[in-house]
Amino acid sequence: MQWLNEPAHWSSSSNRIIVNTSPKTDFWRITHYGFIRDSGHFYFERVDTDFVVEVEITGSYKDLYDQAGIMIRFDENHWIKTGIEYVDGVQHLSAVVTHDYSDWSVTPLLKPLVSLRLRVERRKEAIHISYLDASSKYALLRLAYFPIVPEVQVGIVCASPEGNGYEVVFDNYRLIKQSAA
C-alpha cells in the first residue's frame, strides 16, 4: 500500500493502522463551496478487478467534518469516499461521489458509534456501500455509479477539513479481489 498525502504521524501493526490527521485536509470538488481539495490522507492499493473491501473505523471525531472511511479513486476527478463524518456535533454515515463535481449524502446517527464496520463492493460499474447495523447485518447505505477503468486505487481515507486533526484507528482492513464474471 502507498500514501497519497501521507500524514505526519501514523503507524501500523498487524491488523491495525492508526492515523493522526493533519489540519485542513480534505477531498472535495467544486459543488456548493466552489473550491477543490485533494489534500486528505489516502492509504491505498491498486486493483484491476471487482472487489470487496472492509474495515472497522474508530475515531476521536471532534471538529466539523472530521471524517474517516474507505475511498475508491481513479484520479482527482473521479472518486468515492464513504464512512463517518462529524457534522455539527453528530456522527453521520456519509458518502461523497465525485465525477468532476462532488455530491454528498449523509444520514445522522441517533446514537454515536464506538466503531463502524464498513464494506464497499465493486461489481463492474456499480459500487455498493454498506455498513454493519445494530443487528450485525450489512445494510445498504448507497448504490453509486463508478466508471469501468483498467485500474482503481482502493483503501482507507481520513481528513480534518476544519479542525486541527484527530486520531482515527482502522482495524482489520481486508481487500478481496474477485474475478470478472
N, C-alpha and C. Protein backbone atom coordinates (compact mmCIF):
# COMPACT_ATOMS: atom_id res chain seq x y z
N MET A 1 0.85 -1.18 0.00
CA MET A 1 0.00 0.00 0.00
C MET A 1 0.89 1.24 0.00
N GLN A 2 0.34 2.33 -0.47
CA GLN A 2 1.09 3.58 -0.53
C GLN A 2 0.16 4.75 -0.18
N TRP A 3 0.76 5.87 0.19
CA TRP A 3 0.00 7.05 0.59
C TRP A 3 -0.14 8.06 -0.54
N LEU A 4 -1.30 8.66 -0.61
CA LEU A 4 -1.50 9.93 -1.28
C LEU A 4 -1.68 10.90 -0.11
N ASN A 5 -0.81 11.87 0.01
CA ASN A 5 -0.84 12.82 1.12
C ASN A 5 -0.60 12.13 2.47
N GLU A 6 0.59 11.57 2.60
CA GLU A 6 0.94 10.85 3.83
C GLU A 6 0.86 11.77 5.04
N PRO A 7 0.18 11.33 6.12
CA PRO A 7 0.12 12.15 7.33
C PRO A 7 1.47 12.17 8.04
N ALA A 8 1.71 13.22 8.81
CA ALA A 8 2.97 13.34 9.55
C ALA A 8 3.11 12.26 10.61
N HIS A 9 1.98 11.83 11.18
CA HIS A 9 2.01 10.86 12.27
C HIS A 9 1.04 9.72 11.98
N TRP A 10 1.59 8.51 11.78
CA TRP A 10 0.78 7.32 11.59
C TRP A 10 1.62 6.10 11.93
N SER A 11 0.96 5.00 12.20
CA SER A 11 1.68 3.75 12.49
C SER A 11 0.80 2.58 12.08
N SER A 12 1.43 1.44 11.89
CA SER A 12 0.67 0.22 11.60
C SER A 12 1.34 -0.96 12.30
N SER A 13 0.50 -1.88 12.73
CA SER A 13 0.97 -3.12 13.33
C SER A 13 -0.10 -4.18 13.12
N SER A 14 0.31 -5.34 12.73
CA SER A 14 -0.57 -6.47 12.40
C SER A 14 -1.81 -6.00 11.65
N ASN A 15 -2.98 -5.97 12.29
CA ASN A 15 -4.22 -5.62 11.59
C ASN A 15 -4.74 -4.25 11.96
N ARG A 16 -3.87 -3.34 12.35
CA ARG A 16 -4.30 -2.02 12.81
C ARG A 16 -3.45 -0.92 12.19
N ILE A 17 -4.12 0.15 11.75
CA ILE A 17 -3.46 1.36 11.27
C ILE A 17 -4.01 2.52 12.07
N ILE A 18 -3.12 3.30 12.67
CA ILE A 18 -3.51 4.46 13.46
C ILE A 18 -3.00 5.71 12.75
N VAL A 19 -3.88 6.68 12.55
CA VAL A 19 -3.52 7.91 11.85
C VAL A 19 -3.91 9.11 12.70
N ASN A 20 -3.01 10.06 12.81
CA ASN A 20 -3.34 11.38 13.34
C ASN A 20 -3.45 12.30 12.14
N THR A 21 -4.66 12.73 11.84
CA THR A 21 -4.86 13.53 10.63
C THR A 21 -4.19 14.88 10.76
N SER A 22 -3.78 15.39 9.65
CA SER A 22 -3.20 16.73 9.60
C SER A 22 -4.32 17.76 9.47
N PRO A 23 -4.11 18.96 9.99
CA PRO A 23 -5.13 20.01 9.91
C PRO A 23 -5.41 20.43 8.47
N LYS A 24 -6.65 20.86 8.26
CA LYS A 24 -7.07 21.46 6.99
C LYS A 24 -6.86 20.53 5.80
N THR A 25 -7.20 19.24 5.97
CA THR A 25 -7.09 18.24 4.91
C THR A 25 -8.48 17.81 4.47
N ASP A 26 -8.65 17.51 3.18
CA ASP A 26 -9.97 17.13 2.69
C ASP A 26 -9.88 16.64 1.26
N PHE A 27 -10.96 15.98 0.81
CA PHE A 27 -11.20 15.68 -0.60
C PHE A 27 -12.56 16.27 -0.95
N TRP A 28 -12.60 17.15 -1.94
CA TRP A 28 -13.85 17.77 -2.39
C TRP A 28 -13.61 18.42 -3.74
N ARG A 29 -14.66 18.52 -4.57
CA ARG A 29 -14.56 19.19 -5.86
C ARG A 29 -15.77 20.08 -6.11
N ILE A 30 -15.58 21.35 -6.02
CA ILE A 30 -16.40 22.43 -6.56
C ILE A 30 -17.79 22.61 -5.96
N THR A 31 -18.66 21.60 -6.03
CA THR A 31 -20.08 21.76 -5.70
C THR A 31 -20.31 22.52 -4.40
N HIS A 32 -21.17 23.51 -4.45
CA HIS A 32 -21.65 24.33 -3.34
C HIS A 32 -20.59 25.27 -2.77
N TYR A 33 -19.37 24.75 -2.54
CA TYR A 33 -18.34 25.55 -1.89
C TYR A 33 -17.45 26.30 -2.89
N GLY A 34 -17.38 25.79 -4.12
CA GLY A 34 -16.61 26.47 -5.16
C GLY A 34 -15.11 26.21 -5.12
N PHE A 35 -14.65 25.30 -4.27
CA PHE A 35 -13.21 25.02 -4.21
C PHE A 35 -12.93 23.55 -4.52
N ILE A 36 -11.65 23.27 -4.74
CA ILE A 36 -11.18 21.90 -4.96
C ILE A 36 -10.17 21.59 -3.86
N ARG A 37 -10.38 20.46 -3.18
CA ARG A 37 -9.45 20.00 -2.16
C ARG A 37 -9.05 18.57 -2.50
N ASP A 38 -7.76 18.33 -2.51
CA ASP A 38 -7.24 16.99 -2.80
C ASP A 38 -6.09 16.70 -1.83
N SER A 39 -6.30 17.06 -0.56
CA SER A 39 -5.23 17.01 0.43
C SER A 39 -5.46 16.00 1.55
N GLY A 40 -6.58 15.27 1.53
CA GLY A 40 -6.85 14.27 2.56
C GLY A 40 -5.85 13.14 2.51
N HIS A 41 -5.85 12.33 3.56
CA HIS A 41 -4.93 11.19 3.65
C HIS A 41 -5.60 9.95 3.06
N PHE A 42 -4.92 9.28 2.12
CA PHE A 42 -5.48 8.11 1.44
C PHE A 42 -4.37 7.07 1.34
N TYR A 43 -4.57 5.94 2.01
CA TYR A 43 -3.62 4.82 2.03
C TYR A 43 -4.22 3.71 1.20
N PHE A 44 -3.64 3.42 0.05
CA PHE A 44 -4.32 2.60 -0.94
C PHE A 44 -3.44 1.54 -1.58
N GLU A 45 -4.14 0.64 -2.26
CA GLU A 45 -3.50 -0.33 -3.15
C GLU A 45 -4.24 -0.26 -4.48
N ARG A 46 -3.59 -0.73 -5.51
CA ARG A 46 -4.16 -0.69 -6.86
C ARG A 46 -4.87 -2.01 -7.15
N VAL A 47 -6.05 -1.90 -7.78
CA VAL A 47 -6.88 -3.08 -8.04
C VAL A 47 -7.38 -2.99 -9.48
N ASP A 48 -7.29 -4.11 -10.19
CA ASP A 48 -7.75 -4.13 -11.58
C ASP A 48 -8.89 -5.12 -11.80
N THR A 49 -9.59 -5.49 -10.73
CA THR A 49 -10.74 -6.40 -10.81
C THR A 49 -11.86 -5.86 -9.93
N ASP A 50 -12.99 -6.53 -9.96
CA ASP A 50 -14.02 -6.25 -8.97
C ASP A 50 -13.48 -6.65 -7.61
N PHE A 51 -14.07 -6.14 -6.54
CA PHE A 51 -13.52 -6.40 -5.21
C PHE A 51 -14.56 -6.14 -4.13
N VAL A 52 -14.22 -6.59 -2.93
CA VAL A 52 -14.91 -6.22 -1.70
C VAL A 52 -13.83 -5.74 -0.75
N VAL A 53 -14.04 -4.58 -0.14
CA VAL A 53 -13.09 -4.05 0.84
C VAL A 53 -13.88 -3.74 2.11
N GLU A 54 -13.28 -4.10 3.26
CA GLU A 54 -13.92 -3.89 4.55
C GLU A 54 -12.91 -3.34 5.54
N VAL A 55 -13.41 -2.58 6.52
CA VAL A 55 -12.56 -2.08 7.60
C VAL A 55 -13.47 -1.65 8.75
N GLU A 56 -12.92 -1.72 9.95
CA GLU A 56 -13.60 -1.17 11.13
C GLU A 56 -12.91 0.12 11.51
N ILE A 57 -13.70 1.16 11.78
CA ILE A 57 -13.16 2.50 12.00
C ILE A 57 -13.59 3.00 13.37
N THR A 58 -12.62 3.50 14.13
CA THR A 58 -12.89 4.12 15.42
C THR A 58 -12.19 5.48 15.43
N GLY A 59 -12.94 6.55 15.60
CA GLY A 59 -12.34 7.88 15.54
C GLY A 59 -12.66 8.72 16.76
N SER A 60 -11.76 9.62 17.04
CA SER A 60 -11.96 10.61 18.12
C SER A 60 -12.42 11.91 17.48
N TYR A 61 -13.53 11.84 16.74
CA TYR A 61 -14.05 12.98 15.99
C TYR A 61 -14.35 14.13 16.95
N LYS A 62 -13.93 15.33 16.58
CA LYS A 62 -14.19 16.47 17.47
C LYS A 62 -14.51 17.76 16.73
N ASP A 63 -14.04 17.91 15.51
CA ASP A 63 -14.24 19.16 14.78
C ASP A 63 -15.12 18.92 13.55
N LEU A 64 -15.75 20.00 13.11
CA LEU A 64 -16.63 19.95 11.96
C LEU A 64 -15.97 19.25 10.77
N TYR A 65 -16.65 18.26 10.22
CA TYR A 65 -16.27 17.49 9.04
C TYR A 65 -15.12 16.50 9.26
N ASP A 66 -14.65 16.28 10.51
CA ASP A 66 -13.70 15.18 10.73
C ASP A 66 -14.31 13.93 10.11
N GLN A 67 -13.49 13.16 9.39
CA GLN A 67 -14.02 12.06 8.61
C GLN A 67 -13.03 10.91 8.49
N ALA A 68 -13.58 9.70 8.33
CA ALA A 68 -12.75 8.50 8.14
C ALA A 68 -13.58 7.43 7.45
N GLY A 69 -12.92 6.66 6.58
CA GLY A 69 -13.64 5.59 5.90
C GLY A 69 -12.83 4.93 4.82
N ILE A 70 -13.52 4.59 3.74
CA ILE A 70 -12.94 3.90 2.58
C ILE A 70 -13.04 4.83 1.38
N MET A 71 -12.02 4.76 0.52
CA MET A 71 -12.04 5.55 -0.72
C MET A 71 -11.72 4.65 -1.90
N ILE A 72 -12.40 4.96 -3.01
CA ILE A 72 -12.09 4.37 -4.32
C ILE A 72 -11.77 5.55 -5.22
N ARG A 73 -10.67 5.44 -5.96
CA ARG A 73 -10.23 6.61 -6.73
C ARG A 73 -9.63 6.16 -8.06
N PHE A 74 -10.04 6.85 -9.11
CA PHE A 74 -9.38 6.68 -10.41
C PHE A 74 -8.39 7.82 -10.63
N ASP A 75 -8.85 9.04 -10.39
CA ASP A 75 -7.99 10.22 -10.49
C ASP A 75 -8.62 11.32 -9.65
N GLU A 76 -8.09 12.53 -9.71
CA GLU A 76 -8.59 13.62 -8.88
C GLU A 76 -10.01 14.05 -9.25
N ASN A 77 -10.50 13.63 -10.41
CA ASN A 77 -11.85 13.99 -10.86
C ASN A 77 -12.89 12.90 -10.64
N HIS A 78 -12.44 11.68 -10.32
CA HIS A 78 -13.35 10.53 -10.20
C HIS A 78 -12.98 9.71 -8.98
N TRP A 79 -13.81 9.83 -7.93
CA TRP A 79 -13.55 9.10 -6.70
C TRP A 79 -14.80 9.03 -5.84
N ILE A 80 -14.78 8.11 -4.90
CA ILE A 80 -15.85 7.96 -3.90
C ILE A 80 -15.17 7.83 -2.55
N LYS A 81 -15.67 8.57 -1.55
CA LYS A 81 -15.25 8.36 -0.17
C LYS A 81 -16.50 8.13 0.66
N THR A 82 -16.41 7.23 1.63
CA THR A 82 -17.56 6.90 2.46
C THR A 82 -17.12 6.49 3.84
N GLY A 83 -17.95 6.75 4.84
CA GLY A 83 -17.64 6.37 6.20
C GLY A 83 -18.38 7.25 7.18
N ILE A 84 -17.68 7.65 8.26
CA ILE A 84 -18.24 8.55 9.27
C ILE A 84 -17.77 9.97 8.97
N GLU A 85 -18.68 10.90 9.08
CA GLU A 85 -18.31 12.32 9.01
C GLU A 85 -19.01 13.03 10.17
N TYR A 86 -18.27 13.87 10.87
CA TYR A 86 -18.74 14.56 12.06
C TYR A 86 -19.28 15.93 11.66
N VAL A 87 -20.58 16.13 11.82
CA VAL A 87 -21.22 17.36 11.38
C VAL A 87 -22.07 17.93 12.52
N ASP A 88 -21.76 19.15 12.92
CA ASP A 88 -22.50 19.84 13.98
C ASP A 88 -22.64 18.99 15.24
N GLY A 89 -21.55 18.34 15.63
CA GLY A 89 -21.52 17.56 16.86
C GLY A 89 -22.16 16.19 16.79
N VAL A 90 -22.52 15.73 15.59
CA VAL A 90 -23.19 14.45 15.40
C VAL A 90 -22.43 13.62 14.36
N GLN A 91 -22.24 12.32 14.66
CA GLN A 91 -21.68 11.41 13.66
C GLN A 91 -22.73 11.15 12.58
N HIS A 92 -22.29 11.14 11.34
CA HIS A 92 -23.16 10.83 10.21
C HIS A 92 -22.53 9.73 9.38
N LEU A 93 -23.35 8.81 8.85
CA LEU A 93 -22.90 7.95 7.77
C LEU A 93 -22.85 8.84 6.55
N SER A 94 -21.76 8.79 5.81
CA SER A 94 -21.54 9.76 4.75
C SER A 94 -21.02 9.06 3.50
N ALA A 95 -21.41 9.58 2.35
CA ALA A 95 -20.86 9.13 1.08
C ALA A 95 -20.74 10.34 0.15
N VAL A 96 -19.56 10.51 -0.43
CA VAL A 96 -19.33 11.55 -1.43
C VAL A 96 -18.93 10.85 -2.72
N VAL A 97 -19.69 11.09 -3.77
CA VAL A 97 -19.41 10.53 -5.09
C VAL A 97 -19.01 11.69 -5.98
N THR A 98 -17.86 11.56 -6.62
CA THR A 98 -17.31 12.66 -7.42
C THR A 98 -17.04 12.20 -8.85
N HIS A 99 -17.71 12.85 -9.78
CA HIS A 99 -17.44 12.75 -11.22
C HIS A 99 -17.34 14.20 -11.69
N ASP A 100 -16.15 14.75 -11.60
CA ASP A 100 -15.84 16.16 -11.85
C ASP A 100 -16.40 17.08 -10.77
N TYR A 101 -17.62 16.83 -10.29
CA TYR A 101 -18.24 17.58 -9.19
C TYR A 101 -18.59 16.60 -8.08
N SER A 102 -18.39 17.01 -6.85
CA SER A 102 -18.74 16.16 -5.70
C SER A 102 -20.21 16.32 -5.35
N ASP A 103 -20.82 15.19 -4.95
CA ASP A 103 -22.11 15.24 -4.28
C ASP A 103 -21.91 14.68 -2.88
N TRP A 104 -22.88 14.84 -2.01
CA TRP A 104 -22.71 14.42 -0.62
C TRP A 104 -24.04 13.94 -0.09
N SER A 105 -24.05 12.73 0.44
CA SER A 105 -25.23 12.24 1.12
C SER A 105 -24.84 11.86 2.54
N VAL A 106 -25.69 12.22 3.50
CA VAL A 106 -25.41 11.95 4.91
C VAL A 106 -26.68 11.44 5.60
N THR A 107 -26.47 10.60 6.59
CA THR A 107 -27.53 10.11 7.45
C THR A 107 -27.05 10.25 8.88
N PRO A 108 -27.71 11.08 9.69
CA PRO A 108 -27.26 11.24 11.08
C PRO A 108 -27.48 9.97 11.89
N LEU A 109 -26.54 9.68 12.76
CA LEU A 109 -26.66 8.54 13.67
C LEU A 109 -27.23 9.05 14.99
N LEU A 110 -28.35 8.51 15.39
CA LEU A 110 -29.02 8.98 16.59
C LEU A 110 -28.20 8.67 17.85
N LYS A 111 -27.47 7.56 17.81
CA LYS A 111 -26.56 7.21 18.90
C LYS A 111 -25.16 7.14 18.31
N PRO A 112 -24.20 7.87 18.86
CA PRO A 112 -22.83 7.81 18.34
C PRO A 112 -22.29 6.38 18.39
N LEU A 113 -21.55 6.00 17.39
CA LEU A 113 -20.95 4.67 17.34
C LEU A 113 -19.56 4.70 17.95
N VAL A 114 -19.25 3.66 18.69
CA VAL A 114 -17.87 3.50 19.16
C VAL A 114 -17.00 3.20 17.96
N SER A 115 -17.50 2.30 17.08
CA SER A 115 -16.79 1.99 15.84
C SER A 115 -17.81 1.65 14.76
N LEU A 116 -17.36 1.74 13.53
CA LEU A 116 -18.20 1.45 12.36
C LEU A 116 -17.49 0.41 11.51
N ARG A 117 -18.18 -0.69 11.19
CA ARG A 117 -17.68 -1.67 10.23
C ARG A 117 -18.28 -1.31 8.89
N LEU A 118 -17.42 -1.03 7.91
CA LEU A 118 -17.83 -0.53 6.61
C LEU A 118 -17.42 -1.52 5.53
N ARG A 119 -18.26 -1.68 4.53
CA ARG A 119 -17.96 -2.57 3.40
C ARG A 119 -18.29 -1.83 2.10
N VAL A 120 -17.36 -1.88 1.15
CA VAL A 120 -17.59 -1.33 -0.18
C VAL A 120 -17.28 -2.43 -1.18
N GLU A 121 -18.22 -2.63 -2.10
CA GLU A 121 -18.05 -3.68 -3.10
C GLU A 121 -18.20 -3.07 -4.49
N ARG A 122 -17.28 -3.47 -5.37
CA ARG A 122 -17.38 -3.03 -6.77
C ARG A 122 -17.78 -4.22 -7.63
N ARG A 123 -18.86 -4.03 -8.39
CA ARG A 123 -19.30 -5.01 -9.39
C ARG A 123 -19.46 -4.25 -10.70
N LYS A 124 -18.45 -4.36 -11.54
CA LYS A 124 -18.41 -3.61 -12.79
C LYS A 124 -18.55 -2.12 -12.52
N GLU A 125 -19.62 -1.46 -13.01
CA GLU A 125 -19.77 -0.02 -12.82
C GLU A 125 -20.52 0.34 -11.53
N ALA A 126 -20.94 -0.66 -10.77
CA ALA A 126 -21.74 -0.41 -9.57
C ALA A 126 -20.89 -0.51 -8.30
N ILE A 127 -21.02 0.47 -7.43
CA ILE A 127 -20.37 0.49 -6.12
C ILE A 127 -21.47 0.35 -5.07
N HIS A 128 -21.37 -0.70 -4.27
CA HIS A 128 -22.32 -0.97 -3.19
C HIS A 128 -21.65 -0.57 -1.88
N ILE A 129 -22.22 0.40 -1.18
CA ILE A 129 -21.67 0.87 0.09
C ILE A 129 -22.60 0.40 1.20
N SER A 130 -22.05 -0.38 2.16
CA SER A 130 -22.84 -0.93 3.25
C SER A 130 -22.10 -0.75 4.56
N TYR A 131 -22.87 -0.84 5.64
CA TYR A 131 -22.30 -0.76 6.99
C TYR A 131 -22.96 -1.83 7.85
N LEU A 132 -22.26 -2.27 8.88
CA LEU A 132 -22.79 -3.26 9.79
C LEU A 132 -23.75 -2.56 10.76
N ASP A 133 -25.03 -2.95 10.72
CA ASP A 133 -26.03 -2.27 11.55
C ASP A 133 -26.11 -2.88 12.94
N ALA A 134 -27.04 -2.39 13.75
CA ALA A 134 -27.17 -2.82 15.15
C ALA A 134 -27.51 -4.31 15.27
N SER A 135 -28.11 -4.89 14.24
CA SER A 135 -28.44 -6.32 14.26
C SER A 135 -27.34 -7.18 13.65
N SER A 136 -26.17 -6.57 13.42
CA SER A 136 -25.00 -7.28 12.86
C SER A 136 -25.24 -7.80 11.44
N LYS A 137 -26.03 -7.06 10.68
CA LYS A 137 -26.24 -7.36 9.27
C LYS A 137 -25.77 -6.15 8.47
N TYR A 138 -25.25 -6.42 7.27
CA TYR A 138 -24.84 -5.30 6.42
C TYR A 138 -26.06 -4.64 5.80
N ALA A 139 -26.18 -3.34 6.03
CA ALA A 139 -27.27 -2.54 5.49
C ALA A 139 -26.73 -1.64 4.38
N LEU A 140 -27.46 -1.53 3.30
CA LEU A 140 -27.04 -0.70 2.17
C LEU A 140 -27.18 0.78 2.53
N LEU A 141 -26.11 1.52 2.37
CA LEU A 141 -26.13 2.98 2.55
C LEU A 141 -26.35 3.66 1.21
N ARG A 142 -25.65 3.17 0.19
CA ARG A 142 -25.75 3.82 -1.12
C ARG A 142 -25.30 2.87 -2.21
N LEU A 143 -25.93 2.98 -3.36
CA LEU A 143 -25.51 2.32 -4.58
C LEU A 143 -25.13 3.44 -5.54
N ALA A 144 -23.90 3.41 -6.07
CA ALA A 144 -23.41 4.52 -6.89
C ALA A 144 -22.75 4.00 -8.16
N TYR A 145 -22.76 4.84 -9.16
CA TYR A 145 -22.06 4.56 -10.41
C TYR A 145 -20.59 4.95 -10.28
N PHE A 146 -19.73 4.12 -10.86
CA PHE A 146 -18.31 4.46 -11.00
C PHE A 146 -17.84 3.91 -12.34
N PRO A 147 -17.12 4.69 -13.14
CA PRO A 147 -16.77 4.24 -14.49
C PRO A 147 -15.88 2.99 -14.46
N ILE A 148 -16.07 2.17 -15.46
CA ILE A 148 -15.20 1.00 -15.62
C ILE A 148 -13.89 1.48 -16.21
N VAL A 149 -12.84 1.36 -15.44
CA VAL A 149 -11.50 1.78 -15.85
C VAL A 149 -10.55 0.61 -15.59
N PRO A 150 -9.38 0.59 -16.25
CA PRO A 150 -8.47 -0.55 -16.09
C PRO A 150 -7.99 -0.80 -14.66
N GLU A 151 -7.86 0.27 -13.87
CA GLU A 151 -7.32 0.12 -12.53
C GLU A 151 -7.83 1.25 -11.63
N VAL A 152 -8.15 0.92 -10.37
CA VAL A 152 -8.54 1.92 -9.39
C VAL A 152 -7.65 1.79 -8.17
N GLN A 153 -7.63 2.84 -7.38
CA GLN A 153 -6.95 2.83 -6.09
C GLN A 153 -8.03 2.62 -5.03
N VAL A 154 -7.76 1.72 -4.08
CA VAL A 154 -8.73 1.37 -3.05
C VAL A 154 -8.02 1.35 -1.71
N GLY A 155 -8.64 1.96 -0.68
CA GLY A 155 -8.04 1.90 0.63
C GLY A 155 -8.77 2.75 1.65
N ILE A 156 -8.04 3.14 2.69
CA ILE A 156 -8.62 3.91 3.79
C ILE A 156 -8.36 5.39 3.58
N VAL A 157 -9.28 6.21 4.09
CA VAL A 157 -9.20 7.65 3.90
C VAL A 157 -9.57 8.34 5.21
N CYS A 158 -8.95 9.47 5.48
CA CYS A 158 -9.32 10.29 6.64
C CYS A 158 -8.87 11.72 6.40
N ALA A 159 -9.53 12.65 7.09
CA ALA A 159 -9.22 14.06 6.89
C ALA A 159 -9.83 14.90 8.00
N SER A 160 -9.33 16.12 8.11
CA SER A 160 -9.82 17.12 9.07
C SER A 160 -9.96 18.46 8.36
N PRO A 161 -11.05 18.64 7.58
CA PRO A 161 -11.19 19.87 6.79
C PRO A 161 -11.18 21.16 7.59
N GLU A 162 -11.80 21.18 8.75
CA GLU A 162 -11.93 22.41 9.52
C GLU A 162 -11.07 22.42 10.79
N GLY A 163 -10.74 21.26 11.28
CA GLY A 163 -10.09 21.17 12.59
C GLY A 163 -8.58 21.05 12.52
N ASN A 164 -8.02 20.80 13.71
CA ASN A 164 -6.57 20.69 13.85
C ASN A 164 -6.08 19.26 13.84
N GLY A 165 -6.93 18.32 13.47
CA GLY A 165 -6.55 16.92 13.39
C GLY A 165 -7.10 16.12 14.56
N TYR A 166 -7.17 14.83 14.38
CA TYR A 166 -7.67 13.91 15.40
C TYR A 166 -7.08 12.53 15.12
N GLU A 167 -7.29 11.59 16.07
CA GLU A 167 -6.78 10.23 15.89
C GLU A 167 -7.89 9.32 15.40
N VAL A 168 -7.58 8.50 14.41
CA VAL A 168 -8.51 7.50 13.90
C VAL A 168 -7.77 6.17 13.80
N VAL A 169 -8.50 5.10 14.14
CA VAL A 169 -7.94 3.75 14.13
C VAL A 169 -8.71 2.93 13.10
N PHE A 170 -7.98 2.27 12.21
CA PHE A 170 -8.55 1.37 11.22
C PHE A 170 -8.14 -0.05 11.61
N ASP A 171 -9.12 -0.90 11.89
CA ASP A 171 -8.84 -2.28 12.28
C ASP A 171 -9.33 -3.26 11.22
N ASN A 172 -8.56 -4.34 11.08
CA ASN A 172 -8.95 -5.48 10.24
C ASN A 172 -9.33 -5.08 8.82
N TYR A 173 -8.48 -4.24 8.20
CA TYR A 173 -8.67 -3.89 6.79
C TYR A 173 -8.52 -5.16 5.97
N ARG A 174 -9.44 -5.36 5.04
CA ARG A 174 -9.39 -6.56 4.22
C ARG A 174 -9.88 -6.23 2.82
N LEU A 175 -9.09 -6.62 1.82
CA LEU A 175 -9.46 -6.44 0.43
C LEU A 175 -9.50 -7.82 -0.24
N ILE A 176 -10.64 -8.14 -0.83
CA ILE A 176 -10.81 -9.42 -1.53
C ILE A 176 -11.05 -9.10 -2.99
N LYS A 177 -10.09 -9.50 -3.83
CA LYS A 177 -10.26 -9.31 -5.27
C LYS A 177 -11.12 -10.43 -5.83
N GLN A 178 -11.99 -10.06 -6.79
CA GLN A 178 -12.90 -11.03 -7.37
C GLN A 178 -12.68 -11.08 -8.87
N SER A 179 -12.70 -12.26 -9.39
CA SER A 179 -12.50 -12.40 -10.84
C SER A 179 -13.72 -11.89 -11.57
N ALA A 180 -13.49 -11.38 -12.76
CA ALA A 180 -14.58 -10.84 -13.58
C ALA A 180 -15.51 -11.97 -14.00
N ALA A 181 -16.79 -11.69 -13.98
CA ALA A 181 -17.80 -12.71 -14.35
C ALA A 181 -18.09 -12.65 -15.82
